[in-house]
Amino acid sequence: MRNKNELVKVTVNIFGEEYTIKGTEEPEYIERLAEIVDNQMQELHQKNPSLGISRLAILTALNLADQMGKLQEEYDRLSNQRKKRKDEKSLNPDNRIK
């Protein structure tokens, strides 16, 4: 079994270019991240074939950051909602499970 702090090298292909990624995550996870980036770049390229690779990479990064931001907002909203319900139950003894 691999040590969680052990550095691994994974070669991935993103938009026709090979990159060697070093990290402590599982190789399959790194490959999945590269696949997500590649898919996003391919999709953007199909919609905007005249974009250069630098602009394509920046737009891909912005789109992924947007997705991450929206997911973080939803996570925070659900966490706050859960905490509020938990606090309400602890303040109102009638809501406790008997």
PDB file of N, CA and C in Angstrom:
ATOM      1  N   MET A   1       0.844  -1.192   0.000  1.00  0.00           N
ATOM      2  CA  MET A   1       0.000   0.000   0.000  1.00  0.00           C
ATOM      3  C   MET A   1       0.884   1.248   0.000  1.00  0.00           C
ATOM      4  N   ARG A   2       0.441   2.253  -0.719  1.00  0.00           N
ATOM      5  CA  ARG A   2       1.196   3.488  -0.876  1.00  0.00           C
ATOM      6  C   ARG A   2       1.007   4.396   0.339  1.00  0.00           C
ATOM      7  N   ASN A   3       2.119   4.999   0.772  1.00  0.00           N
ATOM      8  CA  ASN A   3       2.096   5.979   1.851  1.00  0.00           C
ATOM      9  C   ASN A   3       1.405   7.246   1.338  1.00  0.00           C
ATOM     10  N   LYS A   4       0.495   7.826   2.123  1.00  0.00           N
ATOM     11  CA  LYS A   4      -0.272   9.008   1.690  1.00  0.00           C
ATOM     12  C   LYS A   4       0.607  10.217   1.385  1.00  0.00           C
ATOM     13  N   ASN A   5       1.793  10.284   1.974  1.00  0.00           N
ATOM     14  CA  ASN A   5       2.694  11.411   1.736  1.00  0.00           C
ATOM     15  C   ASN A   5       3.699  11.126   0.628  1.00  0.00           C
ATOM     16  N   GLU A   6       3.642   9.933   0.073  1.00  0.00           N
ATOM     17  CA  GLU A   6       4.575   9.546  -0.980  1.00  0.00           C
ATOM     18  C   GLU A   6       4.247  10.296  -2.271  1.00  0.00           C
ATOM     19  N   LEU A   7       5.270  10.881  -2.879  1.00  0.00           N
ATOM     20  CA  LEU A   7       5.097  11.626  -4.119  1.00  0.00           C
ATOM     21  C   LEU A   7       4.969  10.665  -5.287  1.00  0.00           C
ATOM     22  N   VAL A   8       3.961  10.875  -6.118  1.00  0.00           N
ATOM     23  CA  VAL A   8       3.773  10.049  -7.312  1.00  0.00           C
ATOM     24  C   VAL A   8       3.889  10.940  -8.546  1.00  0.00           C
ATOM     25  N   LYS A   9       4.291  10.330  -9.653  1.00  0.00           N
ATOM     26  CA  LYS A   9       4.345  11.020 -10.944  1.00  0.00           C
ATOM     27  C   LYS A   9       3.308  10.385 -11.847  1.00  0.00           C
ATOM     28  N   VAL A  10       2.504  11.222 -12.451  1.00  0.00           N
ATOM     29  CA  VAL A  10       1.466  10.738 -13.355  1.00  0.00           C
ATOM     30  C   VAL A  10       1.560  11.554 -14.642  1.00  0.00           C
ATOM     31  N   THR A  11       1.587  10.866 -15.776  1.00  0.00           N
ATOM     32  CA  THR A  11       1.581  11.555 -17.061  1.00  0.00           C
ATOM     33  C   THR A  11       0.152  11.597 -17.572  1.00  0.00           C
ATOM     34  N   VAL A  12      -0.301  12.804 -17.876  1.00  0.00           N
ATOM     35  CA  VAL A  12      -1.667  12.999 -18.351  1.00  0.00           C
ATOM     36  C   VAL A  12      -1.634  13.755 -19.673  1.00  0.00           C
ATOM     37  N   ASN A  13      -2.734  13.670 -20.401  1.00  0.00           N
ATOM     38  CA  ASN A  13      -2.854  14.381 -21.665  1.00  0.00           C
ATOM     39  C   ASN A  13      -3.999  15.373 -21.546  1.00  0.00           C
ATOM     40  N   ILE A  14      -3.666  16.643 -21.732  1.00  0.00           N
ATOM     41  CA  ILE A  14      -4.675  17.698 -21.677  1.00  0.00           C
ATOM     42  C   ILE A  14      -4.582  18.506 -22.964  1.00  0.00           C
ATOM     43  N   PHE A  15      -5.651  18.487 -23.715  1.00  0.00           N
ATOM     44  CA  PHE A  15      -5.761  19.236 -24.961  1.00  0.00           C
ATOM     45  C   PHE A  15      -4.586  18.945 -25.902  1.00  0.00           C
ATOM     46  N   GLY A  16      -4.256  17.659 -25.996  1.00  0.00           N
ATOM     47  CA  GLY A  16      -3.225  17.217 -26.928  1.00  0.00           C
ATOM     48  C   GLY A  16      -1.797  17.363 -26.445  1.00  0.00           C
ATOM     49  N   GLU A  17      -1.607  17.836 -25.239  1.00  0.00           N
ATOM     50  CA  GLU A  17      -0.262  18.000 -24.671  1.00  0.00           C
ATOM     51  C   GLU A  17      -0.089  17.057 -23.491  1.00  0.00           C
ATOM     52  N   GLU A  18       1.096  16.466 -23.387  1.00  0.00           N
ATOM     53  CA  GLU A  18       1.388  15.603 -22.237  1.00  0.00           C
ATOM     54  C   GLU A  18       2.014  16.422 -21.119  1.00  0.00           C
ATOM     55  N   TYR A  19       1.562  16.149 -19.919  1.00  0.00           N
ATOM     56  CA  TYR A  19       2.078  16.809 -18.721  1.00  0.00           C
ATOM     57  C   TYR A  19       2.384  15.743 -17.684  1.00  0.00           C
ATOM     58  N   THR A  20       3.519  15.901 -17.011  1.00  0.00           N
ATOM     59  CA  THR A  20       3.844  15.024 -15.892  1.00  0.00           C
ATOM     60  C   THR A  20       3.498  15.778 -14.618  1.00  0.00           C
ATOM     61  N   ILE A  21       2.581  15.214 -13.875  1.00  0.00           N
ATOM     62  CA  ILE A  21       2.095  15.830 -12.640  1.00  0.00           C
ATOM     63  C   ILE A  21       2.681  15.071 -11.458  1.00  0.00           C
ATOM     64  N   LYS A  22       3.239  15.812 -10.509  1.00  0.00           N
ATOM     65  CA  LYS A  22       3.734  15.210  -9.273  1.00  0.00           C
ATOM     66  C   LYS A  22       2.784  15.607  -8.153  1.00  0.00           C
ATOM     67  N   GLY A  23       2.428  14.629  -7.328  1.00  0.00           N
ATOM     68  CA  GLY A  23       1.537  14.925  -6.215  1.00  0.00           C
ATOM     69  C   GLY A  23       1.446  13.761  -5.256  1.00  0.00           C
ATOM     70  N   THR A  24       0.715  13.968  -4.191  1.00  0.00           N
ATOM     71  CA  THR A  24       0.552  12.922  -3.176  1.00  0.00           C
ATOM     72  C   THR A  24      -0.794  12.219  -3.293  1.00  0.00           C
ATOM     73  N   GLU A  25      -1.621  12.657  -4.223  1.00  0.00           N
ATOM     74  CA  GLU A  25      -2.923  12.017  -4.425  1.00  0.00           C
ATOM     75  C   GLU A  25      -2.755  10.725  -5.212  1.00  0.00           C
ATOM     76  N   GLU A  26      -3.789   9.904  -5.188  1.00  0.00           N
ATOM     77  CA  GLU A  26      -3.789   8.664  -5.958  1.00  0.00           C
ATOM     78  C   GLU A  26      -3.701   8.992  -7.447  1.00  0.00           C
ATOM     79  N   PRO A  27      -2.952   8.196  -8.215  1.00  0.00           N
ATOM     80  CA  PRO A  27      -2.831   8.456  -9.656  1.00  0.00           C
ATOM     81  C   PRO A  27      -4.184   8.548 -10.363  1.00  0.00           C
ATOM     82  N   GLU A  28      -5.130   7.711  -9.977  1.00  0.00           N
ATOM     83  CA  GLU A  28      -6.448   7.722 -10.604  1.00  0.00           C
ATOM     84  C   GLU A  28      -7.159   9.056 -10.383  1.00  0.00           C
ATOM     85  N   TYR A  29      -6.955   9.635  -9.221  1.00  0.00           N
ATOM     86  CA  TYR A  29      -7.566  10.929  -8.913  1.00  0.00           C
ATOM     87  C   TYR A  29      -6.960  12.023  -9.790  1.00  0.00           C
ATOM     88  N   ILE A  30      -5.641  12.024  -9.910  1.00  0.00           N
ATOM     89  CA  ILE A  30      -4.955  13.007 -10.755  1.00  0.00           C
ATOM     90  C   ILE A  30      -5.403  12.851 -12.204  1.00  0.00           C
ATOM     91  N   GLU A  31      -5.517  11.614 -12.662  1.00  0.00           N
ATOM     92  CA  GLU A  31      -5.982  11.363 -14.033  1.00  0.00           C
ATOM     93  C   GLU A  31      -7.404  11.876 -14.227  1.00  0.00           C
ATOM     94  N   ARG A  32      -8.243  11.710 -13.225  1.00  0.00           N
ATOM     95  CA  ARG A  32      -9.630  12.182 -13.311  1.00  0.00           C
ATOM     96  C   ARG A  32      -9.676  13.707 -13.387  1.00  0.00           C
ATOM     97  N   LEU A  33      -8.842  14.376 -12.602  1.00  0.00           N
ATOM     98  CA  LEU A  33      -8.789  15.839 -12.664  1.00  0.00           C
ATOM     99  C   LEU A  33      -8.355  16.308 -14.046  1.00  0.00           C
ATOM    100  N   ALA A  34      -7.337  15.652 -14.594  1.00  0.00           N
ATOM    101  CA  ALA A  34      -6.857  16.002 -15.934  1.00  0.00           C
ATOM    102  C   ALA A  34      -7.948  15.776 -16.971  1.00  0.00           C
ATOM    103  N   GLU A  35      -8.713  14.720 -16.804  1.00  0.00           N
ATOM    104  CA  GLU A  35      -9.814  14.427 -17.728  1.00  0.00           C
ATOM    105  C   GLU A  35     -10.878  15.524 -17.674  1.00  0.00           C
ATOM    106  N   ILE A  36     -11.166  16.006 -16.483  1.00  0.00           N
ATOM    107  CA  ILE A  36     -12.138  17.091 -16.327  1.00  0.00           C
ATOM    108  C   ILE A  36     -11.649  18.348 -17.043  1.00  0.00           C
ATOM    109  N   VAL A  37     -10.383  18.702 -16.832  1.00  0.00           N
ATOM    110  CA  VAL A  37      -9.809  19.887 -17.483  1.00  0.00           C
ATOM    111  C   VAL A  37      -9.818  19.711 -18.996  1.00  0.00           C
ATOM    112  N   ASP A  38      -9.392  18.542 -19.466  1.00  0.00           N
ATOM    113  CA  ASP A  38      -9.365  18.273 -20.904  1.00  0.00           C
ATOM    114  C   ASP A  38     -10.765  18.383 -21.503  1.00  0.00           C
ATOM    115  N   ASN A  39     -11.742  17.784 -20.853  1.00  0.00           N
ATOM    116  CA  ASN A  39     -13.121  17.847 -21.354  1.00  0.00           C
ATOM    117  C   ASN A  39     -13.627  19.282 -21.437  1.00  0.00           C
ATOM    118  N   GLN A  40     -13.327  20.073 -20.412  1.00  0.00           N
ATOM    119  CA  GLN A  40     -13.753  21.477 -20.405  1.00  0.00           C
ATOM    120  C   GLN A  40     -13.085  22.255 -21.538  1.00  0.00           C
ATOM    121  N   MET A  41     -11.797  22.001 -21.738  1.00  0.00           N
ATOM    122  CA  MET A  41     -11.078  22.699 -22.808  1.00  0.00           C
ATOM    123  C   MET A  41     -11.608  22.288 -24.176  1.00  0.00           C
ATOM    124  N   GLN A  42     -11.869  21.002 -24.359  1.00  0.00           N
ATOM    125  CA  GLN A  42     -12.401  20.521 -25.638  1.00  0.00           C
ATOM    126  C   GLN A  42     -13.770  21.148 -25.918  1.00  0.00           C
ATOM    127  N   GLU A  43     -14.601  21.206 -24.902  1.00  0.00           N
ATOM    128  CA  GLU A  43     -15.942  21.777 -25.049  1.00  0.00           C
ATOM    129  C   GLU A  43     -15.876  23.260 -25.416  1.00  0.00           C
ATOM    130  N   LEU A  44     -15.014  24.001 -24.721  1.00  0.00           N
ATOM    131  CA  LEU A  44     -14.854  25.422 -25.029  1.00  0.00           C
ATOM    132  C   LEU A  44     -14.285  25.626 -26.430  1.00  0.00           C
ATOM    133  N   HIS A  45     -13.345  24.781 -26.810  1.00  0.00           N
ATOM    134  CA  HIS A  45     -12.728  24.887 -28.135  1.00  0.00           C
ATOM    135  C   HIS A  45     -13.762  24.659 -29.237  1.00  0.00           C
ATOM    136  N   GLN A  46     -14.675  23.722 -29.014  1.00  0.00           N
ATOM    137  CA  GLN A  46     -15.722  23.470 -30.011  1.00  0.00           C
ATOM    138  C   GLN A  46     -16.626  24.693 -30.185  1.00  0.00           C
ATOM    139  N   LYS A  47     -16.890  25.389 -29.090  1.00  0.00           N
ATOM    140  CA  LYS A  47     -17.749  26.573 -29.151  1.00  0.00           C
ATOM    141  C   LYS A  47     -17.008  27.803 -29.671  1.00  0.00           C
ATOM    142  N   ASN A  48     -15.677  27.836 -29.434  1.00  0.00           N
ATOM    143  CA  ASN A  48     -14.849  28.993 -29.798  1.00  0.00           C
ATOM    144  C   ASN A  48     -13.556  28.521 -30.456  1.00  0.00           C
ATOM    145  N   PRO A  49     -13.620  27.993 -31.672  1.00  0.00           N
ATOM    146  CA  PRO A  49     -12.439  27.397 -32.300  1.00  0.00           C
ATOM    147  C   PRO A  49     -11.301  28.377 -32.581  1.00  0.00           C
ATOM    148  N   SER A  50     -11.587  29.679 -32.578  1.00  0.00           N
ATOM    149  CA  SER A  50     -10.532  30.648 -32.879  1.00  0.00           C
ATOM    150  C   SER A  50      -9.705  31.042 -31.656  1.00  0.00           C
ATOM    151  N   LEU A  51     -10.109  30.608 -30.464  1.00  0.00           N
ATOM    152  CA  LEU A  51      -9.364  30.965 -29.246  1.00  0.00           C
ATOM    153  C   LEU A  51      -8.008  30.277 -29.213  1.00  0.00           C
ATOM    154  N   GLY A  52      -6.987  31.026 -28.810  1.00  0.00           N
ATOM    155  CA  GLY A  52      -5.667  30.444 -28.606  1.00  0.00           C
ATOM    156  C   GLY A  52      -5.655  29.614 -27.337  1.00  0.00           C
ATOM    157  N   ILE A  53      -4.624  28.796 -27.208  1.00  0.00           N
ATOM    158  CA  ILE A  53      -4.571  27.870 -26.064  1.00  0.00           C
ATOM    159  C   ILE A  53      -4.502  28.602 -24.723  1.00  0.00           C
ATOM    160  N   SER A  54      -3.815  29.748 -24.677  1.00  0.00           N
ATOM    161  CA  SER A  54      -3.729  30.497 -23.409  1.00  0.00           C
ATOM    162  C   SER A  54      -5.097  31.005 -22.973  1.00  0.00           C
ATOM    163  N   ARG A  55      -5.833  31.597 -23.902  1.00  0.00           N
ATOM    164  CA  ARG A  55      -7.169  32.093 -23.564  1.00  0.00           C
ATOM    165  C   ARG A  55      -8.103  30.936 -23.219  1.00  0.00           C
ATOM    166  N   LEU A  56      -7.951  29.849 -23.947  1.00  0.00           N
ATOM    167  CA  LEU A  56      -8.756  28.661 -23.689  1.00  0.00           C
ATOM    168  C   LEU A  56      -8.496  28.130 -22.278  1.00  0.00           C
ATOM    169  N   ALA A  57      -7.225  28.103 -21.885  1.00  0.00           N
ATOM    170  CA  ALA A  57      -6.857  27.630 -20.544  1.00  0.00           C
ATOM    171  C   ALA A  57      -7.408  28.560 -19.468  1.00  0.00           C
ATOM    172  N   ILE A  58      -7.330  29.876 -19.703  1.00  0.00           N
ATOM    173  CA  ILE A  58      -7.845  30.842 -18.726  1.00  0.00           C
ATOM    174  C   ILE A  58      -9.363  30.725 -18.595  1.00  0.00           C
ATOM    175  N   LEU A  59     -10.061  30.621 -19.715  1.00  0.00           N
ATOM    176  CA  LEU A  59     -11.520  30.468 -19.658  1.00  0.00           C
ATOM    177  C   LEU A  59     -11.919  29.165 -18.978  1.00  0.00           C
ATOM    178  N   THR A  60     -11.160  28.112 -19.230  1.00  0.00           N
ATOM    179  CA  THR A  60     -11.418  26.834 -18.563  1.00  0.00           C
ATOM    180  C   THR A  60     -11.233  26.977 -17.059  1.00  0.00           C
ATOM    181  N   ALA A  61     -10.146  27.634 -16.657  1.00  0.00           N
ATOM    182  CA  ALA A  61      -9.894  27.847 -15.225  1.00  0.00           C
ATOM    183  C   ALA A  61     -11.019  28.663 -14.593  1.00  0.00           C
ATOM    184  N   LEU A  62     -11.476  29.704 -15.291  1.00  0.00           N
ATOM    185  CA  LEU A  62     -12.569  30.527 -14.764  1.00  0.00           C
ATOM    186  C   LEU A  62     -13.868  29.734 -14.654  1.00  0.00           C
ATOM    187  N   ASN A  63     -14.164  28.923 -15.655  1.00  0.00           N
ATOM    188  CA  ASN A  63     -15.376  28.094 -15.601  1.00  0.00           C
ATOM    189  C   ASN A  63     -15.319  27.105 -14.447  1.00  0.00           C
ATOM    190  N   LEU A  64     -14.165  26.468 -14.255  1.00  0.00           N
ATOM    191  CA  LEU A  64     -14.024  25.507 -13.153  1.00  0.00           C
ATOM    192  C   LEU A  64     -14.082  26.213 -11.801  1.00  0.00           C
ATOM    193  N   ALA A  65     -13.483  27.411 -11.716  1.00  0.00           N
ATOM    194  CA  ALA A  65     -13.548  28.183 -10.470  1.00  0.00           C
ATOM    195  C   ALA A  65     -14.989  28.598 -10.180  1.00  0.00           C
ATOM    196  N   ASP A  66     -15.740  28.944 -11.228  1.00  0.00           N
ATOM    197  CA  ASP A  66     -17.152  29.290 -11.069  1.00  0.00           C
ATOM    198  C   ASP A  66     -17.932  28.101 -10.517  1.00  0.00           C
ATOM    199  N   GLN A  67     -17.708  26.930 -11.090  1.00  0.00           N
ATOM    200  CA  GLN A  67     -18.383  25.719 -10.610  1.00  0.00           C
ATOM    201  C   GLN A  67     -18.030  25.449  -9.151  1.00  0.00           C
ATOM    202  N   MET A  68     -16.750  25.590  -8.832  1.00  0.00           N
ATOM    203  CA  MET A  68     -16.299  25.344  -7.465  1.00  0.00           C
ATOM    204  C   MET A  68     -16.928  26.356  -6.500  1.00  0.00           C
ATOM    205  N   GLY A  69     -16.974  27.620  -6.908  1.00  0.00           N
ATOM    206  CA  GLY A  69     -17.575  28.654  -6.067  1.00  0.00           C
ATOM    207  C   GLY A  69     -19.043  28.389  -5.795  1.00  0.00           C
ATOM    208  N   LYS A  70     -19.776  27.988  -6.826  1.00  0.00           N
ATOM    209  CA  LYS A  70     -21.201  27.688  -6.655  1.00  0.00           C
ATOM    210  C   LYS A  70     -21.408  26.476  -5.752  1.00  0.00           C
ATOM    211  N   LEU A  71     -20.567  25.464  -5.911  1.00  0.00           N
ATOM    212  CA  LEU A  71     -20.659  24.288  -5.033  1.00  0.00           C
ATOM    213  C   LEU A  71     -20.334  24.653  -3.589  1.00  0.00           C
ATOM    214  N   GLN A  72     -19.341  25.537  -3.391  1.00  0.00           N
ATOM    215  CA  GLN A  72     -18.980  25.966  -2.040  1.00  0.00           C
ATOM    216  C   GLN A  72     -20.132  26.735  -1.402  1.00  0.00           C
ATOM    217  N   GLU A  73     -20.762  27.617  -2.178  1.00  0.00           N
ATOM    218  CA  GLU A  73     -21.922  28.357  -1.660  1.00  0.00           C
ATOM    219  C   GLU A  73     -23.045  27.410  -1.256  1.00  0.00           C
ATOM    220  N   GLU A  74     -23.313  26.411  -2.083  1.00  0.00           N
ATOM    221  CA  GLU A  74     -24.371  25.439  -1.778  1.00  0.00           C
ATOM    222  C   GLU A  74     -24.013  24.622  -0.535  1.00  0.00           C
ATOM    223  N   TYR A  75     -22.749  24.221  -0.435  1.00  0.00           N
ATOM    224  CA  TYR A  75     -22.290  23.476   0.740  1.00  0.00           C
ATOM    225  C   TYR A  75     -22.464  24.327   2.003  1.00  0.00           C
ATOM    226  N   ASP A  76     -22.046  25.591   1.933  1.00  0.00           N
ATOM    227  CA  ASP A  76     -22.174  26.481   3.087  1.00  0.00           C
ATOM    228  C   ASP A  76     -23.642  26.665   3.473  1.00  0.00           C
ATOM    229  N   ARG A  77     -24.503  26.834   2.470  1.00  0.00           N
ATOM    230  CA  ARG A  77     -25.935  27.011   2.733  1.00  0.00           C
ATOM    231  C   ARG A  77     -26.509  25.780   3.436  1.00  0.00           C
ATOM    232  N   LEU A  78     -26.164  24.589   2.918  1.00  0.00           N
ATOM    233  CA  LEU A  78     -26.677  23.357   3.521  1.00  0.00           C
ATOM    234  C   LEU A  78     -26.102  23.131   4.917  1.00  0.00           C
ATOM    235  N   SER A  79     -24.825  23.462   5.104  1.00  0.00           N
ATOM    236  CA  SER A  79     -24.207  23.319   6.431  1.00  0.00           C
ATOM    237  C   SER A  79     -24.874  24.239   7.441  1.00  0.00           C
ATOM    238  N   ASN A  80     -25.124  25.483   7.030  1.00  0.00           N
ATOM    239  CA  ASN A  80     -25.791  26.437   7.926  1.00  0.00           C
ATOM    240  C   ASN A  80     -27.215  25.998   8.237  1.00  0.00           C
ATOM    241  N   GLN A  81     -27.893  25.479   7.234  1.00  0.00           N
ATOM    242  CA  GLN A  81     -29.260  24.985   7.421  1.00  0.00           C
ATOM    243  C   GLN A  81     -29.272  23.820   8.414  1.00  0.00           C
ATOM    244  N   ARG A  82     -28.327  22.925   8.263  1.00  0.00           N
ATOM    245  CA  ARG A  82     -28.232  21.773   9.171  1.00  0.00           C
ATOM    246  C   ARG A  82     -27.921  22.227  10.595  1.00  0.00           C
ATOM    247  N   LYS A  83     -26.973  23.166  10.725  1.00  0.00           N
ATOM    248  CA  LYS A  83     -26.605  23.675  12.046  1.00  0.00           C
ATOM    249  C   LYS A  83     -27.802  24.365  12.700  1.00  0.00           C
ATOM    250  N   LYS A  84     -28.540  25.142  11.908  1.00  0.00           N
ATOM    251  CA  LYS A  84     -29.715  25.845  12.438  1.00  0.00           C
ATOM    252  C   LYS A  84     -30.750  24.850  12.955  1.00  0.00           C
ATOM    253  N   ARG A  85     -30.995  23.788  12.195  1.00  0.00           N
ATOM    254  CA  ARG A  85     -31.958  22.765  12.632  1.00  0.00           C
ATOM    255  C   ARG A  85     -31.484  22.075  13.906  1.00  0.00           C
ATOM    256  N   LYS A  86     -30.193  21.776  13.949  1.00  0.00           N
ATOM    257  CA  LYS A  86     -29.630  21.116  15.131  1.00  0.00           C
ATOM    258  C   LYS A  86     -29.765  22.026  16.355  1.00  0.00           C
ATOM    259  N   ASP A  87     -29.461  23.323  16.181  1.00  0.00           N
ATOM    260  CA  ASP A  87     -29.581  24.284  17.278  1.00  0.00           C
ATOM    261  C   ASP A  87     -31.032  24.418  17.737  1.00  0.00           C
ATOM    262  N   GLU A  88     -31.965  24.453  16.781  1.00  0.00           N
ATOM    263  CA  GLU A  88     -33.384  24.565  17.127  1.00  0.00           C
ATOM    264  C   GLU A  88     -33.848  23.355  17.929  1.00  0.00           C
ATOM    265  N   LYS A  89     -33.391  22.170  17.540  1.00  0.00           N
ATOM    266  CA  LYS A  89     -33.780  20.951  18.261  1.00  0.00           C
ATOM    267  C   LYS A  89     -33.221  20.943  19.674  1.00  0.00           C
ATOM    268  N   SER A  90     -31.995  21.449  19.835  1.00  0.00           N
ATOM    269  CA  SER A  90     -31.400  21.431  21.174  1.00  0.00           C
ATOM    270  C   SER A  90     -32.048  22.473  22.085  1.00  0.00           C
ATOM    271  N   LEU A  91     -32.596  23.540  21.510  1.00  0.00           N
ATOM    272  CA  LEU A  91     -33.255  24.571  22.313  1.00  0.00           C
ATOM    273  C   LEU A  91     -34.691  24.206  22.674  1.00  0.00           C
ATOM    274  N   ASN A  92     -35.321  23.389  21.860  1.00  0.00           N
ATOM    275  CA  ASN A  92     -36.716  23.027  22.078  1.00  0.00           C
ATOM    276  C   ASN A  92     -36.799  21.551  22.474  1.00  0.00           C
ATOM    277  N   PRO A  93     -36.974  21.267  23.756  1.00  0.00           N
ATOM    278  CA  PRO A  93     -36.999  19.872  24.217  1.00  0.00           C
ATOM    279  C   PRO A  93     -38.126  19.049  23.612  1.00  0.00           C
ATOM    280  N   ASP A  94     -39.197  19.687  23.148  1.00  0.00           N
ATOM    281  CA  ASP A  94     -40.314  18.948  22.549  1.00  0.00           C
ATOM    282  C   ASP A  94     -39.934  18.312  21.220  1.00  0.00           C
ATOM    283  N   ASN A  95     -38.890  18.829  20.583  1.00  0.00           N
ATOM    284  CA  ASN A  95     -38.451  18.297  19.291  1.00  0.00           C
ATOM    285  C   ASN A  95     -37.466  17.139  19.436  1.00  0.00           C
ATOM    286  N   ARG A  96     -37.050  16.866  20.634  1.00  0.00           N
ATOM    287  CA  ARG A  96     -36.077  15.793  20.848  1.00  0.00           C
ATOM    288  C   ARG A  96     -36.723  14.436  20.636  1.00  0.00           C
ATOM    289  N   ILE A  97     -35.940  13.522  20.160  1.00  0.00           N
ATOM    290  CA  ILE A  97     -36.414  12.146  19.980  1.00  0.00           C
ATOM    291  C   ILE A  97     -36.514  11.492  21.343  1.00  0.00           C
ATOM    292  N   LYS A  98     -37.630  10.812  21.586  1.00  0.00           N
ATOM    293  CA  LYS A  98     -37.846  10.181  22.897  1.00  0.00           C
ATOM    294  C   LYS A  98     -37.550   8.709  22.827  1.00  0.00           C
TER     295      LYS A  98
END
